[in-house]
Amino acid sequence: MSTIVLIHGLWVTPRSWEQWIPYLTARGHRVIAPAYPGFEVEVEALRADPSVIASLTVPETVAHLEKIITDLPEKPILIGHSFGGTLTQLLLDRGHGAAGVVIDSAPPEGIHVTPPSQLKSLFPILNNPAKRHQAAGFTPEQFHYAFTNTLGPEQARAAYDRYAIPAPGSWVWSYGLIANFKPGKQETWVDFHNTDRAPLLFIAGGKDHIMPPSVNRSNAAHYKAPGTITDYHEFPERSHWTCAEPGWEAVADYALDWAARHARS
């Protein structure tokens, strides 16, 4: 039995893992899906009062996750989706985790690939500098394009109604595209040459608009430390909503099987 920590991304909460938790538990694993600090309440409560979202920082979130992970009796398998993939990379770089899997990962600092669909997906957050200090969300139509573009309108709206929340606008502005134009190391910097880093798998969706395969391939290719394991796998027909759209079991199985084979004891 392994301990698995599932790390959610932006614009959602741990509710986004609600199918994975019983699925992986049934395979004999202990599964934890921690919330970001202050996100422990339900989706509906965060929509009603998003103030905790607007003020949240990346260092605060990383420290919160570190505390949870270091309190575990063993190094867990870390699986992160979207910005949860960025957080997973930061945690692995700090020596946490027996193995890591990042799914449709947002990039850390230093990844300069910016496909047009990514710019279109993020434009609703980047179109107004005031959103840098706000909890910034998508409309149902914008969420459909960025997250659930392989779903029909009714399925996409159901996903939006159940899972979508605003995200810290500062994270998109400061730690996304703009981080690459700031001098010095930013808070999403990782050491791509860290020889002590645990094995890491990138999973990408071929139809992902907000974090397309080219972003994930570039991210994976930056890891060059000798003796470390970095793999890449692409599901060609899947969107950014790959962890919840129909057929998500294939993604979960691939992630877990790879991590189990490569995890450090």
Protein backbone atom coordinates (compact mmCIF):
# COMPACT_ATOMS: atom_id res chain seq x y z
CA MET A 1 0.00 0.00 0.00
CA SER A 2 1.23 3.47 -0.90
CA THR A 3 0.11 6.86 0.32
CA ILE A 4 -1.05 9.10 -2.52
CA VAL A 5 -1.44 12.87 -2.23
CA LEU A 6 -3.69 14.43 -4.88
CA ILE A 7 -3.04 18.15 -5.43
CA HIS A 8 -5.75 20.14 -7.20
CA GLY A 9 -5.21 23.07 -9.53
CA LEU A 10 -6.67 26.54 -9.94
CA TRP A 11 -10.35 27.27 -10.53
CA VAL A 12 -11.31 24.06 -8.65
CA THR A 13 -11.05 22.48 -5.18
CA PRO A 14 -10.33 18.93 -3.90
CA ARG A 15 -13.86 18.11 -5.05
CA SER A 16 -12.28 17.72 -8.51
CA TRP A 17 -10.71 14.46 -7.23
CA GLU A 18 -13.97 13.01 -5.91
CA GLN A 19 -13.92 10.12 -8.40
CA TRP A 20 -10.22 9.36 -7.94
CA ILE A 21 -10.30 9.05 -4.16
CA PRO A 22 -12.58 5.98 -3.92
CA TYR A 23 -11.06 4.53 -7.11
CA LEU A 24 -7.48 4.60 -5.78
CA THR A 25 -8.61 3.62 -2.29
CA ALA A 26 -10.25 0.51 -3.74
CA ARG A 27 -6.87 -0.41 -5.20
CA GLY A 28 -5.48 -0.55 -1.67
CA HIS A 29 -3.93 2.87 -1.24
CA ARG A 30 -4.28 5.57 1.35
CA VAL A 31 -5.44 8.68 -0.52
CA ILE A 32 -5.29 12.29 0.68
CA ALA A 33 -6.58 15.29 -1.30
CA PRO A 34 -5.64 18.39 0.69
CA ALA A 35 -7.16 21.78 -0.01
CA TYR A 36 -5.18 24.96 -0.39
CA PRO A 37 -5.21 27.01 2.84
CA GLY A 38 -8.74 28.30 3.37
CA PHE A 39 -10.19 26.13 0.61
CA GLU A 40 -11.39 23.46 3.06
CA VAL A 41 -14.97 24.68 2.69
CA GLU A 42 -17.36 23.68 -0.08
CA VAL A 43 -17.28 25.10 -3.59
CA GLU A 44 -20.50 27.01 -2.96
CA ALA A 45 -19.03 28.77 0.08
CA LEU A 46 -15.95 29.88 -1.86
CA ARG A 47 -18.15 31.30 -4.59
CA ALA A 48 -20.18 33.20 -2.01
CA ASP A 49 -17.09 34.62 -0.29
CA PRO A 50 -13.91 34.40 -2.41
CA SER A 51 -11.84 36.73 -0.18
CA VAL A 52 -9.56 33.88 0.97
CA ILE A 53 -8.84 33.11 -2.69
CA ALA A 54 -7.79 36.64 -3.56
CA SER A 55 -5.25 36.86 -0.73
CA LEU A 56 -3.66 33.41 -1.04
CA THR A 57 0.03 33.13 -2.02
CA VAL A 58 2.06 30.33 -3.59
CA PRO A 59 4.64 30.16 -0.73
CA GLU A 60 1.82 29.88 1.81
CA THR A 61 0.30 27.04 -0.19
CA VAL A 62 3.59 25.18 -0.62
CA ALA A 63 4.30 25.46 3.12
CA HIS A 64 0.82 24.15 3.89
CA LEU A 65 1.31 21.13 1.64
CA GLU A 66 4.81 20.51 2.99
CA LYS A 67 3.43 20.31 6.52
CA ILE A 68 0.83 17.75 5.47
CA ILE A 69 3.37 15.65 3.56
CA THR A 70 6.08 15.67 6.21
CA ASP A 71 3.57 14.56 8.85
CA LEU A 72 2.96 11.34 6.89
CA PRO A 73 4.76 8.15 8.01
CA GLU A 74 6.30 7.66 4.54
CA LYS A 75 7.11 9.65 1.44
CA PRO A 76 3.94 9.63 -0.66
CA ILE A 77 3.29 9.54 -4.38
CA LEU A 78 2.39 13.07 -5.42
CA ILE A 79 -0.13 13.57 -8.24
CA GLY A 80 -0.94 17.14 -9.25
CA HIS A 81 -3.24 18.54 -11.90
CA SER A 82 -2.80 21.90 -13.65
CA PHE A 83 -1.29 24.35 -11.12
CA GLY A 84 -1.24 21.37 -8.79
CA GLY A 85 1.39 20.08 -11.21
CA THR A 86 3.47 23.19 -10.60
CA LEU A 87 3.11 22.69 -6.86
CA THR A 88 4.10 19.03 -7.28
CA GLN A 89 7.26 20.08 -9.12
CA LEU A 90 8.12 22.55 -6.36
CA LEU A 91 7.58 19.87 -3.71
CA LEU A 92 9.70 17.28 -5.54
CA ASP A 93 12.48 19.84 -5.93
CA ARG A 94 12.43 20.29 -2.13
CA GLY A 95 12.91 16.55 -1.56
CA HIS A 96 9.31 15.53 -0.96
CA GLY A 97 7.62 12.56 -2.58
CA ALA A 98 8.64 9.04 -3.57
CA ALA A 99 7.50 9.81 -7.14
CA GLY A 100 5.54 12.54 -8.84
CA VAL A 101 2.98 12.64 -11.63
CA VAL A 102 1.88 15.97 -13.09
CA ILE A 103 -1.22 16.03 -15.30
CA ASP A 104 -1.75 18.93 -17.73
CA SER A 105 0.75 20.80 -15.59
CA ALA A 106 1.08 24.56 -15.47
CA PRO A 107 4.76 25.39 -15.97
CA PRO A 108 7.21 26.65 -13.38
CA GLU A 109 9.44 29.60 -14.17
CA GLY A 110 11.56 29.26 -17.30
CA ILE A 111 9.14 27.57 -19.72
CA HIS A 112 8.70 29.98 -22.61
CA VAL A 113 6.27 28.04 -24.83
CA THR A 114 2.97 29.95 -25.06
CA PRO A 115 0.56 28.48 -27.64
CA PRO A 116 -2.32 30.63 -28.94
CA SER A 117 -4.97 28.49 -27.22
CA GLN A 118 -3.27 29.12 -23.88
CA LEU A 119 -3.34 32.87 -24.41
CA LYS A 120 -7.02 32.68 -25.38
CA SER A 121 -7.79 30.56 -22.31
CA LEU A 122 -6.07 32.94 -19.91
CA PHE A 123 -7.17 36.19 -21.58
CA PRO A 124 -10.26 36.54 -19.35
CA ILE A 125 -7.88 36.78 -16.37
CA LEU A 126 -5.15 38.84 -18.05
CA ASN A 127 -7.44 41.33 -19.79
CA ASN A 128 -7.66 43.64 -16.77
CA PRO A 129 -4.72 44.48 -14.43
CA ALA A 130 -7.20 44.94 -11.57
CA LYS A 131 -7.76 41.16 -11.58
CA ARG A 132 -4.20 40.74 -10.32
CA HIS A 133 -5.53 41.64 -6.88
CA GLN A 134 -8.84 39.78 -7.11
CA ALA A 135 -10.30 36.31 -7.14
CA ALA A 136 -10.72 35.94 -10.89
CA GLY A 137 -13.04 33.40 -12.44
CA PHE A 138 -14.34 32.19 -15.78
CA THR A 139 -17.82 32.41 -17.20
CA PRO A 140 -19.37 29.04 -18.15
CA GLU A 141 -18.46 29.67 -21.78
CA GLN A 142 -14.85 30.56 -20.93
CA PHE A 143 -14.55 27.50 -18.68
CA HIS A 144 -15.86 25.34 -21.54
CA TYR A 145 -13.10 26.58 -23.84
CA ALA A 146 -10.27 26.41 -21.31
CA PHE A 147 -11.17 23.23 -19.41
CA THR A 148 -13.96 21.13 -20.89
CA ASN A 149 -13.69 21.65 -24.66
CA THR A 150 -14.12 17.92 -25.42
CA LEU A 151 -17.48 17.84 -23.63
CA GLY A 152 -20.87 18.79 -25.01
CA PRO A 153 -22.55 21.99 -23.76
CA GLU A 154 -24.70 20.26 -21.14
CA GLN A 155 -21.82 18.19 -19.71
CA ALA A 156 -19.57 21.25 -19.69
CA ARG A 157 -22.15 23.32 -17.84
CA ALA A 158 -22.68 20.55 -15.28
CA ALA A 159 -18.92 20.43 -14.63
CA TYR A 160 -18.82 24.21 -14.24
CA ASP A 161 -21.75 24.24 -11.82
CA ARG A 162 -20.29 21.51 -9.63
CA TYR A 163 -16.59 22.39 -9.57
CA ALA A 164 -15.68 25.88 -10.78
CA ILE A 165 -14.51 28.63 -8.43
CA PRO A 166 -12.41 31.78 -8.94
CA ALA A 167 -8.62 31.63 -8.71
CA PRO A 168 -6.06 34.05 -7.24
CA GLY A 169 -5.51 36.52 -10.06
CA SER A 170 -2.01 37.19 -8.75
CA TRP A 171 -0.98 33.59 -9.48
CA VAL A 172 -1.87 33.92 -13.15
CA TRP A 173 -0.27 37.35 -13.45
CA SER A 174 2.84 36.83 -11.33
CA TYR A 175 3.62 33.12 -11.62
CA GLY A 176 2.44 32.35 -15.12
CA LEU A 177 3.48 34.14 -18.26
CA ILE A 178 4.92 37.21 -16.55
CA ALA A 179 7.31 35.27 -14.27
CA ASN A 180 9.60 34.68 -17.23
CA PHE A 181 10.12 38.41 -17.69
CA LYS A 182 11.04 39.20 -14.09
CA PRO A 183 14.69 39.32 -12.96
CA GLY A 184 15.94 36.68 -10.51
CA LYS A 185 14.33 33.51 -9.25
CA GLN A 186 10.59 33.62 -8.76
CA GLU A 187 8.48 31.64 -6.30
CA THR A 188 7.75 28.98 -8.94
CA TRP A 189 11.44 28.39 -9.76
CA VAL A 190 12.65 24.80 -9.66
CA ASP A 191 16.17 23.42 -10.09
CA PHE A 192 15.98 21.41 -13.31
CA HIS A 193 19.44 19.98 -12.54
CA ASN A 194 18.55 18.63 -9.08
CA THR A 195 20.03 15.12 -8.96
CA ASP A 196 18.10 14.24 -5.76
CA ARG A 197 14.69 14.77 -7.30
CA ALA A 198 12.29 11.80 -7.27
CA PRO A 199 11.05 10.28 -10.56
CA LEU A 200 8.60 12.51 -12.42
CA LEU A 201 6.00 11.75 -15.10
CA PHE A 202 4.29 14.36 -17.27
CA ILE A 203 0.84 13.46 -18.62
CA ALA A 204 -0.64 15.76 -21.27
CA GLY A 205 -3.95 15.91 -23.10
CA GLY A 206 -3.72 16.31 -26.85
CA LYS A 207 -6.76 18.60 -26.94
CA ASP A 208 -5.91 20.62 -23.82
CA HIS A 209 -6.37 24.32 -24.57
CA ILE A 210 -5.04 25.96 -21.42
CA MET A 211 -1.95 23.76 -20.90
CA PRO A 212 -1.35 22.21 -24.35
CA PRO A 213 1.07 19.31 -24.95
CA SER A 214 3.79 21.64 -26.23
CA VAL A 215 3.94 23.32 -22.80
CA ASN A 216 4.24 19.97 -21.01
CA ARG A 217 6.82 18.62 -23.48
CA SER A 218 8.95 21.72 -23.01
CA ASN A 219 8.61 21.51 -19.24
CA ALA A 220 9.67 17.85 -19.22
CA ALA A 221 12.61 18.52 -21.56
CA HIS A 222 14.04 21.10 -19.14
CA TYR A 223 14.82 18.38 -16.58
CA LYS A 224 18.37 17.31 -17.39
CA ALA A 225 19.92 16.04 -14.13
CA PRO A 226 21.89 12.82 -14.68
CA GLY A 227 20.54 9.77 -12.90
CA THR A 228 17.00 11.14 -12.57
CA ILE A 229 13.89 9.79 -14.30
CA THR A 230 11.60 12.10 -16.28
CA ASP A 231 8.96 10.61 -18.59
CA TYR A 232 6.23 12.04 -20.80
CA HIS A 233 2.95 10.49 -21.96
CA GLU A 234 0.19 12.02 -24.04
CA PHE A 235 -3.47 11.05 -24.25
CA PRO A 236 -4.30 12.49 -27.69
CA GLU A 237 -8.05 13.01 -27.37
CA ARG A 238 -8.24 14.43 -23.87
CA SER A 239 -8.81 17.99 -22.62
CA HIS A 240 -7.66 19.84 -19.51
CA TRP A 241 -10.61 18.20 -17.76
CA THR A 242 -8.92 14.82 -18.23
CA CYS A 243 -9.16 13.84 -14.56
CA ALA A 244 -12.96 14.01 -14.61
CA GLU A 245 -14.13 13.68 -18.21
CA PRO A 246 -15.32 10.24 -19.39
CA GLY A 247 -12.48 7.75 -19.48
CA TRP A 248 -10.62 9.36 -16.57
CA GLU A 249 -9.92 5.84 -15.22
CA ALA A 250 -7.32 5.28 -17.96
CA VAL A 251 -5.45 8.39 -16.80
CA ALA A 252 -5.62 7.32 -13.16
CA ASP A 253 -4.41 3.81 -13.99
CA TYR A 254 -1.49 5.05 -16.09
CA ALA A 255 -0.43 7.56 -13.43
CA LEU A 256 -0.60 5.07 -10.58
CA ASP A 257 1.05 2.20 -12.45
CA TRP A 258 3.95 4.41 -13.54
CA ALA A 259 4.40 5.87 -10.04
CA ALA A 260 4.28 2.44 -8.42
CA ARG A 261 6.99 1.15 -10.76
CA HIS A 262 9.31 4.11 -10.21
CA ALA A 263 8.65 5.21 -6.62
CA ARG A 264 11.62 5.40 -4.32
CA SER A 265 11.32 3.35 -1.16
